[in-house]
Each structure stands twice: as C-alpha cells, then as structure tokens.
C-alpha atoms as a PDB file:
ATOM      1  CA  MET A   1     183.560   9.630 250.388  1.00  0.00           C
ATOM      2  CA  MET A   2     182.604  11.387 247.180  1.00  0.00           C
ATOM      3  CA  ARG A   3     183.357   8.247 245.128  1.00  0.00           C
ATOM      4  CA  TYR A   4     180.959   6.160 247.253  1.00  0.00           C
ATOM      5  CA  THR A   5     178.142   8.702 246.798  1.00  0.00           C
ATOM      6  CA  VAL A   6     178.500   8.767 243.003  1.00  0.00           C
ATOM      7  CA  THR A   7     178.529   4.960 242.855  1.00  0.00           C
ATOM      8  CA  ALA A   8     175.451   4.790 245.058  1.00  0.00           C
ATOM      9  CA  LEU A   9     173.600   7.263 242.829  1.00  0.00           C
ATOM     10  CA  ILE A  10     174.486   5.375 239.642  1.00  0.00           C
ATOM     11  CA  CYS A  11     173.462   2.005 241.144  1.00  0.00           C
ATOM     12  CA  GLY A  12     170.252   3.519 242.471  1.00  0.00           C
ATOM     13  CA  ALA A  13     169.368   4.864 239.033  1.00  0.00           C
ATOM     14  CA  PHE A  14     169.906   1.480 237.365  1.00  0.00           C
ATOM     15  CA  LEU A  15     167.955  -0.402 240.001  1.00  0.00           C
ATOM     16  CA  ALA A  16     165.023   2.026 240.009  1.00  0.00           C
ATOM     17  CA  ALA A  17     164.548   1.936 236.221  1.00  0.00           C
ATOM     18  CA  PRO A  18     163.343  -1.691 236.028  1.00  0.00           C
ATOM     19  CA  LEU A  19     160.987  -1.168 238.970  1.00  0.00           C
ATOM     20  CA  SER A  20     159.319   1.806 237.326  1.00  0.00           C
ATOM     21  CA  ALA A  21     159.042  -0.101 234.045  1.00  0.00           C
ATOM     22  CA  GLN A  22     157.254  -2.954 235.813  1.00  0.00           C
ATOM     23  CA  THR A  23     154.502  -0.732 237.176  1.00  0.00           C
ATOM     24  CA  ILE A  24     153.001  -0.208 233.724  1.00  0.00           C
ATOM     25  CA  TRP A  25     151.284  -3.411 232.695  1.00  0.00           C
ATOM     26  CA  ALA A  26     148.735  -4.170 230.037  1.00  0.00           C
ATOM     27  CA  PRO A  27     147.604  -7.646 228.981  1.00  0.00           C
ATOM     28  CA  LEU A  28     148.566  -8.715 225.502  1.00  0.00           C
ATOM     29  CA  GLN A  29     145.681  -8.819 223.079  1.00  0.00           C
ATOM     30  CA  ALA A  30     145.553 -11.707 220.652  1.00  0.00           C
ATOM     31  CA  THR A  31     145.235 -10.649 217.040  1.00  0.00           C
ATOM     32  CA  PRO A  32     142.459 -12.191 214.915  1.00  0.00           C
ATOM     33  CA  GLN A  33     145.102 -14.177 213.001  1.00  0.00           C
ATOM     34  CA  GLU A  34     146.368 -15.737 216.251  1.00  0.00           C
ATOM     35  CA  GLN A  35     142.852 -16.579 217.411  1.00  0.00           C
ATOM     36  CA  GLN A  36     142.161 -18.492 214.177  1.00  0.00           C
ATOM     37  CA  ARG A  37     145.583 -20.160 213.985  1.00  0.00           C
ATOM     38  CA  PRO A  38     145.324 -23.687 212.539  1.00  0.00           C
ATOM     39  CA  ARG A  39     145.934 -26.546 214.929  1.00  0.00           C
ATOM     40  CA  GLY A  40     147.995 -29.628 214.175  1.00  0.00           C
ATOM     41  CA  PRO A  41     146.451 -33.017 213.539  1.00  0.00           C
ATOM     42  CA  ALA A  42     144.752 -34.921 216.333  1.00  0.00           C
ATOM     43  CA  LEU A  43     147.067 -37.467 217.926  1.00  0.00           C
ATOM     44  CA  SER A  44     146.374 -40.948 219.252  1.00  0.00           C
ATOM     45  CA  SER A  45     148.449 -42.857 221.777  1.00  0.00           C
ATOM     46  CA  GLY A  46     150.158 -45.984 220.557  1.00  0.00           C
ATOM     47  CA  THR A  47     151.008 -49.103 222.517  1.00  0.00           C
ATOM     48  CA  SER A  48     154.332 -49.873 220.845  1.00  0.00           C
ATOM     49  CA  ALA A  49     157.021 -48.389 218.620  1.00  0.00           C
ATOM     50  CA  THR A  50     159.534 -49.622 216.096  1.00  0.00           C
ATOM     51  CA  LEU A  51     163.018 -48.165 216.450  1.00  0.00           C
ATOM     52  CA  ARG A  52     166.090 -48.569 214.302  1.00  0.00           C
ATOM     53  CA  ALA A  53     169.465 -48.842 216.009  1.00  0.00           C
ATOM     54  CA  LEU A  54     172.902 -48.526 214.401  1.00  0.00           C
ATOM     55  CA  ASP A  55     176.240 -49.551 215.899  1.00  0.00           C
ATOM     56  CA  LYS A  56     178.675 -47.333 214.007  1.00  0.00           C
ATOM     57  CA  MET A  57     181.701 -49.454 214.941  1.00  0.00           C
ATOM     58  CA  SER A  58     180.429 -52.803 213.658  1.00  0.00           C
ATOM     59  CA  GLY A  59     177.934 -51.495 211.090  1.00  0.00           C
ATOM     60  CA  GLU A  60     175.157 -53.547 212.701  1.00  0.00           C
ATOM     61  CA  VAL A  61     171.640 -52.221 212.005  1.00  0.00           C
ATOM     62  CA  VAL A  62     168.750 -53.647 214.024  1.00  0.00           C
ATOM     63  CA  GLU A  63     165.028 -52.898 214.153  1.00  0.00           C
ATOM     64  CA  LEU A  64     163.739 -52.987 217.720  1.00  0.00           C
ATOM     65  CA  GLY A  65     160.099 -53.498 218.648  1.00  0.00           C
ATOM     66  CA  LEU A  66     159.296 -51.951 222.000  1.00  0.00           C
ATOM     67  CA  ASN A  67     156.069 -51.686 224.021  1.00  0.00           C
ATOM     68  CA  VAL A  68     155.231 -48.544 225.973  1.00  0.00           C
ATOM     69  CA  GLY A  69     156.694 -48.886 229.465  1.00  0.00           C
ATOM     70  CA  ALA A  70     159.209 -51.543 228.413  1.00  0.00           C
ATOM     71  CA  THR A  71     162.994 -51.471 228.209  1.00  0.00           C
ATOM     72  CA  VAL A  72     165.204 -52.998 225.536  1.00  0.00           C
ATOM     73  CA  GLY A  73     168.978 -53.240 225.324  1.00  0.00           C
ATOM     74  CA  PHE A  74     171.197 -52.525 222.352  1.00  0.00           C
ATOM     75  CA  GLY A  75     174.937 -52.810 222.904  1.00  0.00           C
ATOM     76  CA  ARG A  76     175.697 -50.814 226.041  1.00  0.00           C
ATOM     77  CA  LEU A  77     172.448 -48.846 225.766  1.00  0.00           C
ATOM     78  CA  GLN A  78     169.183 -49.337 227.667  1.00  0.00           C
ATOM     79  CA  ILE A  79     166.192 -47.798 225.842  1.00  0.00           C
ATOM     80  CA  ASP A  80     162.954 -47.035 227.728  1.00  0.00           C
ATOM     81  CA  LEU A  81     159.847 -46.172 225.721  1.00  0.00           C
ATOM     82  CA  ILE A  82     157.698 -43.877 227.868  1.00  0.00           C
ATOM     83  CA  SER A  83     155.070 -42.754 225.352  1.00  0.00           C
ATOM     84  CA  CYS A  84     154.273 -43.111 221.667  1.00  0.00           C
ATOM     85  CA  ARG A  85     151.855 -41.024 219.574  1.00  0.00           C
ATOM     86  CA  TYR A  86     150.779 -40.831 215.941  1.00  0.00           C
ATOM     87  CA  PRO A  87     148.319 -38.784 213.822  1.00  0.00           C
ATOM     88  CA  THR A  88     144.797 -40.194 214.185  1.00  0.00           C
ATOM     89  CA  GLU A  89     143.783 -39.647 210.544  1.00  0.00           C
ATOM     90  CA  ASN A  90     146.933 -41.207 209.052  1.00  0.00           C
ATOM     91  CA  PRO A  91     148.715 -43.592 211.434  1.00  0.00           C
ATOM     92  CA  ALA A  92     151.385 -44.535 208.890  1.00  0.00           C
ATOM     93  CA  SER A  93     152.456 -40.932 208.241  1.00  0.00           C
ATOM     94  CA  ASP A  94     154.468 -40.071 211.341  1.00  0.00           C
ATOM     95  CA  GLY A  95     155.275 -41.181 214.860  1.00  0.00           C
ATOM     96  CA  PHE A  96     156.452 -39.404 217.990  1.00  0.00           C
ATOM     97  CA  ALA A  97     158.160 -41.361 220.768  1.00  0.00           C
ATOM     98  CA  PHE A  98     159.166 -40.098 224.212  1.00  0.00           C
ATOM     99  CA  MET A  99     162.204 -42.125 225.250  1.00  0.00           C
ATOM    100  CA  GLU A 100     164.968 -42.300 227.765  1.00  0.00           C
ATOM    101  CA  ILE A 101     168.275 -43.810 226.665  1.00  0.00           C
ATOM    102  CA  ARG A 102     170.941 -44.714 229.213  1.00  0.00           C
ATOM    103  CA  ASP A 103     174.501 -46.017 228.991  1.00  0.00           C
ATOM    104  CA  ALA A 104     174.217 -49.102 231.202  1.00  0.00           C
ATOM    105  CA  ALA A 105     177.972 -49.481 231.703  1.00  0.00           C
ATOM    106  CA  ARG A 106     178.404 -45.944 233.059  1.00  0.00           C
ATOM    107  CA  ASP A 107     174.903 -45.584 234.550  1.00  0.00           C
ATOM    108  CA  GLU A 108     174.566 -42.293 232.654  1.00  0.00           C
ATOM    109  CA  ARG A 109     171.493 -40.804 230.973  1.00  0.00           C
ATOM    110  CA  LEU A 110     172.318 -39.953 227.355  1.00  0.00           C
ATOM    111  CA  PHE A 111     168.921 -38.852 226.064  1.00  0.00           C
ATOM    112  CA  ARG A 112     165.461 -38.058 227.397  1.00  0.00           C
ATOM    113  CA  GLY A 113     162.861 -36.496 225.138  1.00  0.00           C
ATOM    114  CA  TRP A 114     160.686 -36.784 222.055  1.00  0.00           C
ATOM    115  CA  MET A 115     161.985 -38.251 218.814  1.00  0.00           C
ATOM    116  CA  VAL A 116     160.037 -37.665 215.613  1.00  0.00           C
ATOM    117  CA  ALA A 117     160.017 -40.328 212.900  1.00  0.00           C
ATOM    118  CA  SER A 118     159.792 -37.880 209.996  1.00  0.00           C
ATOM    119  CA  SER A 119     162.635 -35.687 211.363  1.00  0.00           C
ATOM    120  CA  PRO A 120     165.197 -37.904 213.107  1.00  0.00           C
ATOM    121  CA  ALA A 121     167.827 -35.150 213.252  1.00  0.00           C
ATOM    122  CA  LEU A 122     165.456 -32.712 214.980  1.00  0.00           C
ATOM    123  CA  ASN A 123     166.021 -34.223 218.429  1.00  0.00           C
ATOM    124  CA  ALA A 124     168.576 -37.001 218.107  1.00  0.00           C
ATOM    125  CA  LEU A 125     170.728 -39.121 220.376  1.00  0.00           C
ATOM    126  CA  ASP A 126     174.226 -37.618 220.398  1.00  0.00           C
ATOM    127  CA  HIS A 127     176.553 -40.586 220.856  1.00  0.00           C
ATOM    128  CA  ALA A 128     179.919 -41.432 219.308  1.00  0.00           C
ATOM    129  CA  ARG A 129     179.111 -45.106 218.725  1.00  0.00           C
ATOM    130  CA  TYR A 130     175.314 -45.538 218.538  1.00  0.00           C
ATOM    131  CA  ASP A 131     172.430 -43.994 216.604  1.00  0.00           C
ATOM    132  CA  ILE A 132     168.798 -44.658 217.548  1.00  0.00           C
ATOM    133  CA  TRP A 133     165.765 -43.273 215.725  1.00  0.00           C
ATOM    134  CA  VAL A 134     162.022 -43.871 215.577  1.00  0.00           C
ATOM    135  CA  LEU A 135     160.438 -45.485 212.541  1.00  0.00           C
ATOM    136  CA  ARG A 136     156.773 -45.644 213.595  1.00  0.00           C
ATOM    137  CA  CYS A 137     154.264 -46.027 216.412  1.00  0.00           C
ATOM    138  CA  GLN A 138     151.533 -48.679 216.420  1.00  0.00           C
END
C-alpha cells in the first residue's frame, strides 16, 4: 500500500509540473533584426523543366524535357512534374521543381518534393540505379 502511494505522489508531481508551466504565457516579440530580415528573390512559375537522368548500370545520361502536369518515363521510373519555379530577375540562375518519382514496376513512390537546380544533393532521389536532377525551369 505504501509503495502505491509513493508512486502516485511521484507521478502526480511530474504531471503537475508541465501544467503549471503552461499557465504562464507571453507572446514572443520580434526583434528589429527579424522584422527587417531580407527576403529571397521573387519567383515566377515556369511551364516546363529540363531534367537530367542517369542510369548508373548502363551509364546512359539523358536530358528530359517535361511540361508542368506531364509525366515522362525513364527506365522503370515515372516522373511527374507538379510545379516549376525560377527567380524572376534572373531566369537562368536557378530552378526549383516539385516532382513525384515512382517505380512503375513496383508501384512505389520513391520521391516527392522540391529539387533545386543549384543544389542537387540538397533534396535528391535516393535510388540504387537511377539519379534524376533538375537543370532549369522555363
């Protein structure tokens, strides 16, 4: 009986601490440096993208042109281009493509997300046989 009471007291103390901590709330105030933080470049939406695909087994390298909303196949992969964006001031500088890549043979999604042309390793397709990366958006 004594053991149960001690356990109940210890559990009660741990559970009550977070509740009391949550009663004190104050909104965070933005510092002047955060209020004047520089923004990135303005982006424009593209209608198509150029991708480069590599088959590591055969050494085949192919450039794929793909319109937004379209699907293209490469080996066992199906690549869907959902969105493409680029900096408005300098369209040739960088491209961002939101893609979904599926293994058609296994009906398995391998990748879904943004790929950045200037940093292909930042968010890359992780596949043993194939590499896909964005070159540019038009």
